[in-house]
Amino acid sequence: MVKRKAATLLLTGSLFLGAGPARAGEAIVLASTTSVENSGLLAHVLPKFTEETGITVRVLAQGTGQALATAAHGDADLVLVHDPEAEQQFVTNGDGVDRRQIAWNDFIVVGPRSDPVHIAGSHDAVAALKAIAEARAPFVSRGDKSGTDALEHRLWRAAGIDPAKTGSGSWYRDIGGGMGAALNTAAAMDAYTLSDRGTWLSFGNKRDLTVLVEGDPKLLNRYDVILLDPKKHPEAKQGSARRFADWLASREGQAAIGAYEVNGEQLFHPSAAAPK
């Protein structure tokens, strides 16, 4: 039996069934990255799915690493995450199958409008992090093993810098929290941070923060839905989970994803037909 010890389950939409056919009125658990929850995307699309199918999706919003661990422990029926390396390991370990990209947006480096290290307008995220480290300018890291956190550390490695060694306790602040908390901390400290575009656009407390670095191919942010392997996770509600994954990749689901906007700006780009 699935343990279902999830602490903060957000009931938002609807889905399909277990090891058999999907059944209307059934509920499934989606372990999801915080960005698709914090941005408001799931609140926008899940009611449409529920209306069509009568299936409820209970969302457990976590960092990608934690979401994959939750599913691996048998406490979810499928995952929606954005860390390609961790996702591949999840599949390699025998926990996941049928990994599909359903949308993309991008990451951005944000910071104070005054921009003391002069990275505004740059399209090179690695060079920007080097400049921040050299200036010892305050930088906020999520430190929560999320997809955003994983990308940040890949960028630091590409820069040849270990910020935990050179800046921990001084200019480099690891908060161990979500994207909203990181943006709030950066706003309060006039610090730099890495954000996904969706959460940034829906974030209300920008204060003096602004987008400084964008457009680097290294900052592409892909979102994948992954089902649990029935051989290792027979307790997962395979039918309903597959119904939801199929819907996200369908014409209706892709249209719902693409139609979601905040202040007239599209937050996610559907990509099931043409993965990035």
Foldseek 3Di string as FASTA:
>chain_A
DQPQPQDDWDKAAFWAFAPDAGDALEEFEEEEECLCVLLCLRNQQRNVVCVVRNGIYTYRYAAPVVSLVCQLSRNGFKYKAWAVVVVVVSVVVQWWDDKFWWWKAWKFKKFFPVPPLPQAPAAQPLVVVVSCLVVLAAEEALQQNHNQNVLVVVSCVVNVHDCCVSPPPGRYHHDVHDPLVRQVVRLVRRGMYMDQQSNVLRHDRNNRMDTGYDDHPSGMTIIIMIGTRCVSRSVRTNNTSVRVNVCCLDPNNQVSQQPDDHPPHRRIHTDRPPHD
